[in-house]
PDB file of N, CA and C in Angstrom:
ATOM      1  N   UNK A   1     -33.269 -44.365 -15.303  1.00  0.00           N
ATOM      2  CA  UNK A   1     -32.954 -44.568 -13.896  1.00  0.00           C
ATOM      3  C   UNK A   1     -32.708 -46.062 -13.668  1.00  0.00           C
ATOM      4  N   UNK A   2     -31.674 -46.366 -12.920  1.00  0.00           N
ATOM      5  CA  UNK A   2     -31.358 -47.765 -12.649  1.00  0.00           C
ATOM      6  C   UNK A   2     -31.897 -48.184 -11.282  1.00  0.00           C
ATOM      7  N   UNK A   3     -32.249 -49.454 -11.203  1.00  0.00           N
ATOM      8  CA  UNK A   3     -32.742 -50.041  -9.956  1.00  0.00           C
ATOM      9  C   UNK A   3     -31.915 -51.276  -9.627  1.00  0.00           C
ATOM     10  N   UNK A   4     -31.813 -51.558  -8.343  1.00  0.00           N
ATOM     11  CA  UNK A   4     -31.076 -52.715  -7.857  1.00  0.00           C
ATOM     12  C   UNK A   4     -31.944 -53.504  -6.895  1.00  0.00           C
ATOM     13  N   UNK A   5     -31.684 -54.789  -6.812  1.00  0.00           N
ATOM     14  CA  UNK A   5     -32.301 -55.628  -5.799  1.00  0.00           C
ATOM     15  C   UNK A   5     -31.230 -55.904  -4.766  1.00  0.00           C
ATOM     16  N   UNK A   6     -31.443 -55.404  -3.554  1.00  0.00           N
ATOM     17  CA  UNK A   6     -30.507 -55.596  -2.460  1.00  0.00           C
ATOM     18  C   UNK A   6     -30.984 -56.773  -1.631  1.00  0.00           C
ATOM     19  N   UNK A   7     -30.128 -57.771  -1.487  1.00  0.00           N
ATOM     20  CA  UNK A   7     -30.408 -58.950  -0.672  1.00  0.00           C
ATOM     21  C   UNK A   7     -29.614 -58.808   0.624  1.00  0.00           C
ATOM     22  N   UNK A   8     -30.291 -58.987   1.748  1.00  0.00           N
ATOM     23  CA  UNK A   8     -29.615 -59.004   3.040  1.00  0.00           C
ATOM     24  C   UNK A   8     -30.054 -60.273   3.754  1.00  0.00           C
ATOM     25  N   UNK A   9     -29.098 -61.084   4.157  1.00  0.00           N
ATOM     26  CA  UNK A   9     -29.384 -62.326   4.863  1.00  0.00           C
ATOM     27  C   UNK A   9     -28.716 -62.245   6.219  1.00  0.00           C
ATOM     28  N   UNK A  10     -29.480 -62.477   7.280  1.00  0.00           N
ATOM     29  CA  UNK A  10     -28.934 -62.346   8.628  1.00  0.00           C
ATOM     30  C   UNK A  10     -29.616 -63.307   9.573  1.00  0.00           C
ATOM     31  N   UNK A  11     -28.889 -63.710  10.606  1.00  0.00           N
ATOM     32  CA  UNK A  11     -29.496 -64.508  11.664  1.00  0.00           C
ATOM     33  C   UNK A  11     -30.602 -63.702  12.334  1.00  0.00           C
ATOM     34  N   UNK A  12     -31.608 -64.380  12.848  1.00  0.00           N
ATOM     35  CA  UNK A  12     -32.673 -63.705  13.589  1.00  0.00           C
ATOM     36  C   UNK A  12     -32.135 -63.299  14.954  1.00  0.00           C
ATOM     37  N   UNK A  13     -31.784 -62.046  15.081  1.00  0.00           N
ATOM     38  CA  UNK A  13     -31.275 -61.514  16.343  1.00  0.00           C
ATOM     39  C   UNK A  13     -31.902 -60.150  16.563  1.00  0.00           C
ATOM     40  N   UNK A  14     -31.692 -59.606  17.753  1.00  0.00           N
ATOM     41  CA  UNK A  14     -32.159 -58.241  18.011  1.00  0.00           C
ATOM     42  C   UNK A  14     -31.518 -57.271  17.036  1.00  0.00           C
ATOM     43  N   UNK A  15     -30.288 -57.569  16.630  1.00  0.00           N
ATOM     44  CA  UNK A  15     -29.579 -56.726  15.686  1.00  0.00           C
ATOM     45  C   UNK A  15     -30.314 -56.666  14.345  1.00  0.00           C
ATOM     46  N   UNK A  16     -30.853 -57.793  13.880  1.00  0.00           N
ATOM     47  CA  UNK A  16     -31.599 -57.821  12.627  1.00  0.00           C
ATOM     48  C   UNK A  16     -32.840 -56.949  12.731  1.00  0.00           C
ATOM     49  N   UNK A  17     -33.509 -57.033  13.866  1.00  0.00           N
ATOM     50  CA  UNK A  17     -34.710 -56.215  14.053  1.00  0.00           C
ATOM     51  C   UNK A  17     -34.372 -54.729  14.089  1.00  0.00           C
ATOM     52  N   UNK A  18     -33.241 -54.383  14.684  1.00  0.00           N
ATOM     53  CA  UNK A  18     -32.793 -52.987  14.704  1.00  0.00           C
ATOM     54  C   UNK A  18     -32.492 -52.512  13.283  1.00  0.00           C
ATOM     55  N   UNK A  19     -31.889 -53.379  12.469  1.00  0.00           N
ATOM     56  CA  UNK A  19     -31.578 -53.030  11.091  1.00  0.00           C
ATOM     57  C   UNK A  19     -32.856 -52.783  10.293  1.00  0.00           C
ATOM     58  N   UNK A  20     -33.849 -53.645  10.478  1.00  0.00           N
ATOM     59  CA  UNK A  20     -35.121 -53.460   9.773  1.00  0.00           C
ATOM     60  C   UNK A  20     -35.761 -52.131  10.151  1.00  0.00           C
ATOM     61  N   UNK A  21     -35.704 -51.796  11.412  1.00  0.00           N
ATOM     62  CA  UNK A  21     -36.277 -50.535  11.891  1.00  0.00           C
ATOM     63  C   UNK A  21     -35.544 -49.339  11.278  1.00  0.00           C
ATOM     64  N   UNK A  22     -34.219 -49.394  11.246  1.00  0.00           N
ATOM     65  CA  UNK A  22     -33.423 -48.303  10.668  1.00  0.00           C
ATOM     66  C   UNK A  22     -33.722 -48.144   9.171  1.00  0.00           C
ATOM     67  N   UNK A  23     -33.797 -49.245   8.446  1.00  0.00           N
ATOM     68  CA  UNK A  23     -34.105 -49.175   7.020  1.00  0.00           C
ATOM     69  C   UNK A  23     -35.492 -48.591   6.784  1.00  0.00           C
ATOM     70  N   UNK A  24     -36.461 -49.010   7.579  1.00  0.00           N
ATOM     71  CA  UNK A  24     -37.822 -48.498   7.450  1.00  0.00           C
ATOM     72  C   UNK A  24     -37.873 -47.000   7.739  1.00  0.00           C
ATOM     73  N   UNK A  25     -37.188 -46.576   8.799  1.00  0.00           N
ATOM     74  CA  UNK A  25     -37.169 -45.154   9.155  1.00  0.00           C
ATOM     75  C   UNK A  25     -36.479 -44.312   8.084  1.00  0.00           C
ATOM     76  N   UNK A  26     -35.577 -44.922   7.318  1.00  0.00           N
ATOM     77  CA  UNK A  26     -34.891 -44.221   6.234  1.00  0.00           C
ATOM     78  C   UNK A  26     -35.718 -44.209   4.947  1.00  0.00           C
ATOM     79  N   UNK A  27     -36.907 -44.838   4.979  1.00  0.00           N
ATOM     80  CA  UNK A  27     -37.801 -44.808   3.832  1.00  0.00           C
ATOM     81  C   UNK A  27     -37.723 -46.015   2.918  1.00  0.00           C
ATOM     82  N   UNK A  28     -36.968 -47.031   3.309  1.00  0.00           N
ATOM     83  CA  UNK A  28     -36.868 -48.240   2.485  1.00  0.00           C
ATOM     84  C   UNK A  28     -37.969 -49.221   2.871  1.00  0.00           C
ATOM     85  N   UNK A  29     -38.434 -49.976   1.880  1.00  0.00           N
ATOM     86  CA  UNK A  29     -39.446 -50.993   2.106  1.00  0.00           C
ATOM     87  C   UNK A  29     -39.040 -52.223   1.307  1.00  0.00           C
ATOM     88  N   UNK A  30     -39.405 -53.380   1.776  1.00  0.00           N
ATOM     89  CA  UNK A  30     -39.028 -54.594   1.067  1.00  0.00           C
ATOM     90  C   UNK A  30     -39.837 -55.777   1.535  1.00  0.00           C
ATOM     91  N   UNK A  31     -39.352 -56.946   1.206  1.00  0.00           N
ATOM     92  CA  UNK A  31     -40.012 -58.198   1.555  1.00  0.00           C
ATOM     93  C   UNK A  31     -39.082 -59.009   2.438  1.00  0.00           C
ATOM     94  N   UNK A  32     -39.640 -59.550   3.504  1.00  0.00           N
ATOM     95  CA  UNK A  32     -38.871 -60.363   4.442  1.00  0.00           C
ATOM     96  C   UNK A  32     -39.361 -61.800   4.343  1.00  0.00           C
ATOM     97  N   UNK A  33     -38.406 -62.729   4.238  1.00  0.00           N
ATOM     98  CA  UNK A  33     -38.733 -64.145   4.144  1.00  0.00           C
ATOM     99  C   UNK A  33     -37.946 -64.896   5.211  1.00  0.00           C
ATOM    100  N   UNK A  34     -38.617 -65.702   6.041  1.00  0.00           N
ATOM    101  CA  UNK A  34     -37.876 -66.532   6.998  1.00  0.00           C
ATOM    102  C   UNK A  34     -37.150 -67.640   6.249  1.00  0.00           C
ATOM    103  N   UNK A  35     -35.865 -67.803   6.522  1.00  0.00           N
ATOM    104  CA  UNK A  35     -35.050 -68.786   5.809  1.00  0.00           C
ATOM    105  C   UNK A  35     -34.146 -69.543   6.780  1.00  0.00           C
ATOM    106  N   UNK A  36     -33.471 -70.537   6.251  1.00  0.00           N
ATOM    107  CA  UNK A  36     -32.508 -71.307   7.041  1.00  0.00           C
ATOM    108  C   UNK A  36     -31.346 -71.688   6.144  1.00  0.00           C
ATOM    109  N   UNK A  37     -30.214 -71.908   6.751  1.00  0.00           N
ATOM    110  CA  UNK A  37     -29.070 -72.379   5.981  1.00  0.00           C
ATOM    111  C   UNK A  37     -29.276 -73.854   5.643  1.00  0.00           C
ATOM    112  N   UNK A  38     -28.583 -74.325   4.629  1.00  0.00           N
ATOM    113  CA  UNK A  38     -28.660 -75.750   4.288  1.00  0.00           C
ATOM    114  C   UNK A  38     -28.190 -76.597   5.465  1.00  0.00           C
ATOM    115  N   UNK A  39     -27.124 -76.165   6.115  1.00  0.00           N
ATOM    116  CA  UNK A  39     -26.593 -76.927   7.249  1.00  0.00           C
ATOM    117  C   UNK A  39     -27.642 -77.064   8.349  1.00  0.00           C
ATOM    118  N   UNK A  40     -28.339 -75.970   8.643  1.00  0.00           N
ATOM    119  CA  UNK A  40     -29.360 -76.022   9.691  1.00  0.00           C
ATOM    120  C   UNK A  40     -30.503 -76.960   9.294  1.00  0.00           C
ATOM    121  N   UNK A  41     -30.928 -76.870   8.047  1.00  0.00           N
ATOM    122  CA  UNK A  41     -32.031 -77.719   7.589  1.00  0.00           C
ATOM    123  C   UNK A  41     -31.647 -79.192   7.599  1.00  0.00           C
ATOM    124  N   UNK A  42     -30.421 -79.486   7.199  1.00  0.00           N
ATOM    125  CA  UNK A  42     -29.977 -80.877   7.139  1.00  0.00           C
ATOM    126  C   UNK A  42     -29.767 -81.472   8.526  1.00  0.00           C
ATOM    127  N   UNK A  43     -29.280 -80.671   9.462  1.00  0.00           N
ATOM    128  CA  UNK A  43     -28.997 -81.190  10.798  1.00  0.00           C
ATOM    129  C   UNK A  43     -30.155 -81.042  11.765  1.00  0.00           C
ATOM    130  N   UNK A  44     -31.279 -80.532  11.278  1.00  0.00           N
ATOM    131  CA  UNK A  44     -32.463 -80.397  12.130  1.00  0.00           C
ATOM    132  C   UNK A  44     -32.817 -81.766  12.691  1.00  0.00           C
ATOM    133  N   UNK A  45     -32.846 -81.915  14.000  1.00  0.00           N
ATOM    134  CA  UNK A  45     -32.995 -83.238  14.622  1.00  0.00           C
ATOM    135  C   UNK A  45     -34.309 -83.929  14.303  1.00  0.00           C
ATOM    136  N   UNK A  46     -35.281 -83.198  13.780  1.00  0.00           N
ATOM    137  CA  UNK A  46     -36.549 -83.815  13.429  1.00  0.00           C
ATOM    138  C   UNK A  46     -36.383 -84.817  12.292  1.00  0.00           C
ATOM    139  N   UNK A  47     -35.421 -84.570  11.405  1.00  0.00           N
ATOM    140  CA  UNK A  47     -35.291 -85.392  10.215  1.00  0.00           C
ATOM    141  C   UNK A  47     -34.056 -86.275  10.209  1.00  0.00           C
ATOM    142  N   UNK A  48     -33.349 -86.383  11.276  1.00  0.00           N
ATOM    143  CA  UNK A  48     -32.162 -87.240  11.296  1.00  0.00           C
ATOM    144  C   UNK A  48     -32.598 -88.663  10.958  1.00  0.00           C
ATOM    145  N   UNK A  49     -31.958 -89.229   9.972  1.00  0.00           N
ATOM    146  CA  UNK A  49     -32.232 -90.605   9.571  1.00  0.00           C
ATOM    147  C   UNK A  49     -33.340 -90.741   8.548  1.00  0.00           C
ATOM    148  N   UNK A  50     -34.250 -89.780   8.451  1.00  0.00           N
ATOM    149  CA  UNK A  50     -35.359 -89.900   7.505  1.00  0.00           C
ATOM    150  C   UNK A  50     -35.693 -88.528   6.940  1.00  0.00           C
ATOM    151  N   UNK A  51     -34.701 -87.850   6.415  1.00  0.00           N
ATOM    152  CA  UNK A  51     -34.898 -86.503   5.916  1.00  0.00           C
ATOM    153  C   UNK A  51     -35.510 -86.533   4.518  1.00  0.00           C
ATOM    154  N   UNK A  52     -36.576 -85.759   4.292  1.00  0.00           N
ATOM    155  CA  UNK A  52     -37.170 -85.711   2.954  1.00  0.00           C
ATOM    156  C   UNK A  52     -36.267 -84.948   1.988  1.00  0.00           C
ATOM    157  N   UNK A  53     -36.432 -85.187   0.698  1.00  0.00           N
ATOM    158  CA  UNK A  53     -35.625 -84.491  -0.308  1.00  0.00           C
ATOM    159  C   UNK A  53     -35.935 -82.999  -0.296  1.00  0.00           C
ATOM    160  N   UNK A  54     -37.190 -82.622  -0.118  1.00  0.00           N
ATOM    161  CA  UNK A  54     -37.583 -81.225  -0.111  1.00  0.00           C
ATOM    162  C   UNK A  54     -38.331 -80.939   1.180  1.00  0.00           C
ATOM    163  N   UNK A  55     -38.131 -79.718   1.705  1.00  0.00           N
ATOM    164  CA  UNK A  55     -38.822 -79.313   2.919  1.00  0.00           C
ATOM    165  C   UNK A  55     -40.301 -79.118   2.670  1.00  0.00           C
ATOM    166  N   UNK A  56     -41.031 -79.033   3.708  1.00  0.00           N
ATOM    167  CA  UNK A  56     -42.466 -78.854   3.677  1.00  0.00           C
ATOM    168  C   UNK A  56     -42.760 -77.414   4.093  1.00  0.00           C
ATOM    169  N   UNK A  57     -43.645 -76.721   3.380  1.00  0.00           N
ATOM    170  CA  UNK A  57     -43.992 -75.345   3.729  1.00  0.00           C
ATOM    171  C   UNK A  57     -44.478 -75.259   5.170  1.00  0.00           C
ATOM    172  N   UNK A  58     -45.170 -76.268   5.636  1.00  0.00           N
ATOM    173  CA  UNK A  58     -45.644 -76.307   7.016  1.00  0.00           C
ATOM    174  C   UNK A  58     -44.469 -76.247   7.995  1.00  0.00           C
ATOM    175  N   UNK A  59     -43.345 -76.874   7.647  1.00  0.00           N
ATOM    176  CA  UNK A  59     -42.158 -76.842   8.502  1.00  0.00           C
ATOM    177  C   UNK A  59     -41.624 -75.426   8.645  1.00  0.00           C
ATOM    178  N   UNK A  60     -41.617 -74.676   7.540  1.00  0.00           N
ATOM    179  CA  UNK A  60     -41.114 -73.301   7.585  1.00  0.00           C
ATOM    180  C   UNK A  60     -42.046 -72.424   8.407  1.00  0.00           C
ATOM    181  N   UNK A  61     -43.348 -72.562   8.184  1.00  0.00           N
ATOM    182  CA  UNK A  61     -44.322 -71.750   8.900  1.00  0.00           C
ATOM    183  C   UNK A  61     -44.253 -72.004  10.402  1.00  0.00           C
ATOM    184  N   UNK A  62     -43.984 -73.220  10.801  1.00  0.00           N
ATOM    185  CA  UNK A  62     -43.954 -73.559  12.219  1.00  0.00           C
ATOM    186  C   UNK A  62     -42.547 -73.541  12.801  1.00  0.00           C
ATOM    187  N   UNK A  63     -41.640 -72.800  12.157  1.00  0.00           N
ATOM    188  CA  UNK A  63     -40.322 -72.510  12.725  1.00  0.00           C
ATOM    189  C   UNK A  63     -39.440 -73.737  12.889  1.00  0.00           C
ATOM    190  N   UNK A  64     -39.675 -74.784  12.100  1.00  0.00           N
ATOM    191  CA  UNK A  64     -38.831 -75.968  12.214  1.00  0.00           C
ATOM    192  C   UNK A  64     -37.440 -75.680  11.654  1.00  0.00           C
ATOM    193  N   UNK A  65     -37.360 -74.897  10.573  1.00  0.00           N
ATOM    194  CA  UNK A  65     -36.085 -74.619   9.937  1.00  0.00           C
ATOM    195  C   UNK A  65     -35.572 -73.199  10.170  1.00  0.00           C
ATOM    196  N   UNK A  66     -36.457 -72.228  10.158  1.00  0.00           N
ATOM    197  CA  UNK A  66     -36.004 -70.840  10.054  1.00  0.00           C
ATOM    198  C   UNK A  66     -35.107 -70.411  11.219  1.00  0.00           C
ATOM    199  N   UNK A  67     -33.967 -69.901  10.846  1.00  0.00           N
ATOM    200  CA  UNK A  67     -33.065 -69.324  11.815  1.00  0.00           C
ATOM    201  C   UNK A  67     -32.494 -68.024  11.277  1.00  0.00           C
ATOM    202  N   UNK A  68     -32.842 -67.712  10.037  1.00  0.00           N
ATOM    203  CA  UNK A  68     -32.367 -66.497   9.384  1.00  0.00           C
ATOM    204  C   UNK A  68     -33.545 -65.701   8.850  1.00  0.00           C
ATOM    205  N   UNK A  69     -33.240 -64.467   8.490  1.00  0.00           N
ATOM    206  CA  UNK A  69     -34.189 -63.638   7.774  1.00  0.00           C
ATOM    207  C   UNK A  69     -33.521 -63.193   6.488  1.00  0.00           C
ATOM    208  N   UNK A  70     -34.230 -63.307   5.380  1.00  0.00           N
ATOM    209  CA  UNK A  70     -33.740 -62.807   4.104  1.00  0.00           C
ATOM    210  C   UNK A  70     -34.616 -61.624   3.714  1.00  0.00           C
ATOM    211  N   UNK A  71     -33.967 -60.517   3.426  1.00  0.00           N
ATOM    212  CA  UNK A  71     -34.645 -59.267   3.093  1.00  0.00           C
ATOM    213  C   UNK A  71     -34.333 -58.916   1.649  1.00  0.00           C
ATOM    214  N   UNK A  72     -35.368 -58.608   0.869  1.00  0.00           N
ATOM    215  CA  UNK A  72     -35.216 -58.158  -0.508  1.00  0.00           C
ATOM    216  C   UNK A  72     -35.743 -56.727  -0.572  1.00  0.00           C
ATOM    217  N   UNK A  73     -34.928 -55.817  -1.102  1.00  0.00           N
ATOM    218  CA  UNK A  73     -35.356 -54.427  -1.236  1.00  0.00           C
ATOM    219  C   UNK A  73     -35.041 -53.962  -2.658  1.00  0.00           C
ATOM    220  N   UNK A  74     -36.029 -53.421  -3.364  1.00  0.00           N
ATOM    221  CA  UNK A  74     -35.787 -52.779  -4.650  1.00  0.00           C
ATOM    222  C   UNK A  74     -35.363 -51.349  -4.322  1.00  0.00           C
ATOM    223  N   UNK A  75     -34.174 -50.980  -4.813  1.00  0.00           N
ATOM    224  CA  UNK A  75     -33.578 -49.700  -4.448  1.00  0.00           C
ATOM    225  C   UNK A  75     -33.167 -48.955  -5.715  1.00  0.00           C
ATOM    226  N   UNK A  76     -33.436 -47.657  -5.750  1.00  0.00           N
ATOM    227  CA  UNK A  76     -32.920 -46.824  -6.835  1.00  0.00           C
ATOM    228  C   UNK A  76     -31.404 -46.820  -6.753  1.00  0.00           C
ATOM    229  N   UNK A  77     -30.765 -46.771  -7.905  1.00  0.00           N
ATOM    230  CA  UNK A  77     -29.306 -46.760  -7.935  1.00  0.00           C
ATOM    231  C   UNK A  77     -28.728 -45.650  -7.068  1.00  0.00           C
ATOM    232  N   UNK A  78     -29.390 -44.504  -7.030  1.00  0.00           N
ATOM    233  CA  UNK A  78     -28.897 -43.372  -6.245  1.00  0.00           C
ATOM    234  C   UNK A  78     -29.026 -43.601  -4.741  1.00  0.00           C
ATOM    235  N   UNK A  79     -29.845 -44.577  -4.323  1.00  0.00           N
ATOM    236  CA  UNK A  79     -30.046 -44.863  -2.893  1.00  0.00           C
ATOM    237  C   UNK A  79     -29.354 -46.140  -2.428  1.00  0.00           C
ATOM    238  N   UNK A  80     -28.738 -46.870  -3.353  1.00  0.00           N
ATOM    239  CA  UNK A  80     -28.168 -48.176  -3.011  1.00  0.00           C
ATOM    240  C   UNK A  80     -27.104 -48.075  -1.924  1.00  0.00           C
ATOM    241  N   UNK A  81     -26.171 -47.168  -2.073  1.00  0.00           N
ATOM    242  CA  UNK A  81     -25.087 -47.070  -1.097  1.00  0.00           C
ATOM    243  C   UNK A  81     -25.609 -46.644   0.275  1.00  0.00           C
ATOM    244  N   UNK A  82     -26.641 -45.806   0.299  1.00  0.00           N
ATOM    245  CA  UNK A  82     -27.236 -45.382   1.582  1.00  0.00           C
ATOM    246  C   UNK A  82     -27.859 -46.575   2.298  1.00  0.00           C
ATOM    247  N   UNK A  83     -28.578 -47.435   1.572  1.00  0.00           N
ATOM    248  CA  UNK A  83     -29.182 -48.629   2.180  1.00  0.00           C
ATOM    249  C   UNK A  83     -28.099 -49.581   2.690  1.00  0.00           C
ATOM    250  N   UNK A  84     -27.071 -49.801   1.880  1.00  0.00           N
ATOM    251  CA  UNK A  84     -25.986 -50.689   2.289  1.00  0.00           C
ATOM    252  C   UNK A  84     -25.236 -50.124   3.498  1.00  0.00           C
ATOM    253  N   UNK A  85     -25.106 -48.821   3.550  1.00  0.00           N
ATOM    254  CA  UNK A  85     -24.430 -48.181   4.676  1.00  0.00           C
ATOM    255  C   UNK A  85     -25.195 -48.396   5.984  1.00  0.00           C
ATOM    256  N   UNK A  86     -26.524 -48.345   5.913  1.00  0.00           N
ATOM    257  CA  UNK A  86     -27.351 -48.608   7.102  1.00  0.00           C
ATOM    258  C   UNK A  86     -27.114 -50.039   7.587  1.00  0.00           C
ATOM    259  N   UNK A  87     -27.107 -50.982   6.656  1.00  0.00           N
ATOM    260  CA  UNK A  87     -26.880 -52.391   7.019  1.00  0.00           C
ATOM    261  C   UNK A  87     -25.498 -52.543   7.655  1.00  0.00           C
ATOM    262  N   UNK A  88     -24.490 -51.948   7.027  1.00  0.00           N
ATOM    263  CA  UNK A  88     -23.127 -52.038   7.569  1.00  0.00           C
ATOM    264  C   UNK A  88     -23.032 -51.441   8.975  1.00  0.00           C
ATOM    265  N   UNK A  89     -23.642 -50.266   9.151  1.00  0.00           N
ATOM    266  CA  UNK A  89     -23.559 -49.580  10.443  1.00  0.00           C
ATOM    267  C   UNK A  89     -24.226 -50.376  11.555  1.00  0.00           C
ATOM    268  N   UNK A  90     -25.439 -50.851  11.295  1.00  0.00           N
ATOM    269  CA  UNK A  90     -26.196 -51.548  12.339  1.00  0.00           C
ATOM    270  C   UNK A  90     -25.568 -52.899  12.677  1.00  0.00           C
ATOM    271  N   UNK A  91     -25.042 -53.585  11.670  1.00  0.00           N
ATOM    272  CA  UNK A  91     -24.441 -54.906  11.919  1.00  0.00           C
ATOM    273  C   UNK A  91     -22.951 -54.819  12.239  1.00  0.00           C
ATOM    274  N   UNK A  92     -22.404 -53.612  12.185  1.00  0.00           N
ATOM    275  CA  UNK A  92     -20.956 -53.404  12.318  1.00  0.00           C
ATOM    276  C   UNK A  92     -20.218 -54.338  11.363  1.00  0.00           C
ATOM    277  N   UNK A  93     -20.596 -54.202  10.090  1.00  0.00           N
ATOM    278  CA  UNK A  93     -20.024 -55.024   9.013  1.00  0.00           C
ATOM    279  C   UNK A  93     -20.178 -56.521   9.288  1.00  0.00           C
ATOM    280  N   UNK A  94     -21.325 -56.896   9.813  1.00  0.00           N
ATOM    281  CA  UNK A  94     -21.679 -58.291  10.100  1.00  0.00           C
ATOM    282  C   UNK A  94     -20.754 -58.928  11.135  1.00  0.00           C
ATOM    283  N   UNK A  95     -20.276 -58.130  12.068  1.00  0.00           N
ATOM    284  CA  UNK A  95     -19.523 -58.683  13.193  1.00  0.00           C
ATOM    285  C   UNK A  95     -20.437 -58.936  14.385  1.00  0.00           C
ATOM    286  N   UNK A  96     -21.610 -58.297  14.425  1.00  0.00           N
ATOM    287  CA  UNK A  96     -22.558 -58.515  15.523  1.00  0.00           C
ATOM    288  C   UNK A  96     -23.478 -59.696  15.270  1.00  0.00           C
ATOM    289  N   UNK A  97     -23.627 -60.074  14.037  1.00  0.00           N
ATOM    290  CA  UNK A  97     -24.481 -61.191  13.651  1.00  0.00           C
ATOM    291  C   UNK A  97     -23.932 -61.807  12.375  1.00  0.00           C
ATOM    292  N   UNK A  98     -24.149 -63.096  12.195  1.00  0.00           N
ATOM    293  CA  UNK A  98     -23.721 -63.733  10.950  1.00  0.00           C
ATOM    294  C   UNK A  98     -24.673 -63.327   9.841  1.00  0.00           C
ATOM    295  N   UNK A  99     -24.126 -63.132   8.668  1.00  0.00           N
ATOM    296  CA  UNK A  99     -24.959 -62.767   7.536  1.00  0.00           C
ATOM    297  C   UNK A  99     -24.137 -62.147   6.439  1.00  0.00           C
ATOM    298  N   UNK A 100     -24.813 -61.555   5.493  1.00  0.00           N
ATOM    299  CA  UNK A 100     -24.153 -60.891   4.387  1.00  0.00           C
ATOM    300  C   UNK A 100     -25.169 -60.193   3.514  1.00  0.00           C
ATOM    301  N   UNK A 101     -24.664 -59.456   2.533  1.00  0.00           N
ATOM    302  CA  UNK A 101     -25.554 -58.780   1.592  1.00  0.00           C
ATOM    303  C   UNK A 101     -24.903 -58.715   0.229  1.00  0.00           C
ATOM    304  N   UNK A 102     -25.724 -58.608  -0.782  1.00  0.00           N
ATOM    305  CA  UNK A 102     -25.249 -58.395  -2.144  1.00  0.00           C
ATOM    306  C   UNK A 102     -26.361 -57.733  -2.921  1.00  0.00           C
ATOM    307  N   UNK A 103     -26.008 -57.142  -4.060  1.00  0.00           N
ATOM    308  CA  UNK A 103     -27.014 -56.483  -4.882  1.00  0.00           C
ATOM    309  C   UNK A 103     -26.879 -56.937  -6.323  1.00  0.00           C
ATOM    310  N   UNK A 104     -27.993 -56.857  -7.032  1.00  0.00           N
ATOM    311  CA  UNK A 104     -28.058 -57.246  -8.432  1.00  0.00           C
ATOM    312  C   UNK A 104     -28.785 -56.143  -9.180  1.00  0.00           C
ATOM    313  N   UNK A 105     -28.188 -55.682 -10.273  1.00  0.00           N
ATOM    314  CA  UNK A 105     -28.855 -54.659 -11.065  1.00  0.00           C
ATOM    315  C   UNK A 105     -30.067 -55.261 -11.765  1.00  0.00           C
ATOM    316  N   UNK A 106     -31.170 -54.567 -11.709  1.00  0.00           N
ATOM    317  CA  UNK A 106     -32.399 -55.022 -12.368  1.00  0.00           C
ATOM    318  C   UNK A 106     -32.442 -54.449 -13.782  1.00  0.00           C
ATOM    319  N   UNK A 107     -32.792 -55.281 -14.751  1.00  0.00           N
ATOM    320  CA  UNK A 107     -32.875 -54.829 -16.127  1.00  0.00           C
ATOM    321  C   UNK A 107     -34.301 -54.515 -16.532  1.00  0.00           C
ATOM    322  N   UNK A 108     -35.220 -54.803 -15.665  1.00  0.00           N
ATOM    323  CA  UNK A 108     -36.611 -54.472 -15.900  1.00  0.00           C
ATOM    324  C   UNK A 108     -37.308 -54.326 -14.556  1.00  0.00           C
ATOM    325  N   UNK A 109     -38.021 -53.252 -14.389  1.00  0.00           N
ATOM    326  CA  UNK A 109     -38.733 -53.045 -13.128  1.00  0.00           C
ATOM    327  C   UNK A 109     -39.997 -52.257 -13.399  1.00  0.00           C
ATOM    328  N   UNK A 110     -41.101 -52.738 -12.855  1.00  0.00           N
ATOM    329  CA  UNK A 110     -42.380 -52.030 -12.937  1.00  0.00           C
ATOM    330  C   UNK A 110     -43.044 -52.147 -11.588  1.00  0.00           C
ATOM    331  N   UNK A 111     -43.737 -51.129 -11.173  1.00  0.00           N
ATOM    332  CA  UNK A 111     -44.466 -51.187  -9.911  1.00  0.00           C
ATOM    333  C   UNK A 111     -43.976 -50.158  -8.925  1.00  0.00           C
ATOM    334  N   UNK A 112     -44.494 -50.282  -7.709  1.00  0.00           N
ATOM    335  CA  UNK A 112     -44.106 -49.333  -6.657  1.00  0.00           C
ATOM    336  C   UNK A 112     -44.000 -50.084  -5.344  1.00  0.00           C
ATOM    337  N   UNK A 113     -43.030 -49.722  -4.557  1.00  0.00           N
ATOM    338  CA  UNK A 113     -42.832 -50.316  -3.245  1.00  0.00           C
ATOM    339  C   UNK A 113     -42.822 -49.226  -2.209  1.00  0.00           C
TER     340      UNK A 113
END
C-alpha cells in the first residue's frame, strides 16, 4: 500500500477553517503549523532595519509572523484524490484564498494517524 504526504498551505481565513472542518469530517487527520511567507517575515515592521538572520520561536508563538497555515496529512494512495478534491472544492481551486497544495510519495511510513 502506498502513502503520500499532502501539504496544503493557505492564508488564515474563514475558508481555511472550513477546509479543515471538511477534511476532518471526511476522516482525515494531520498536523497544522502556523507559518508565514518569506516576504511577510522580511517586511514585518518589528524588524525593519535590524532584522535577525533567523526568527525566534517566541515570535511565531505570539503571532508576529504567522499569516498562513500549513497542513500536513499522511494519506493512503487510494484516498489522495479525495482529500485533494475537498481542498479544491472548499477553496474553489485557491481562488477564495491564496495558497496551494502538493503531495510527495512516502517511501517509508510507520504509525497511525
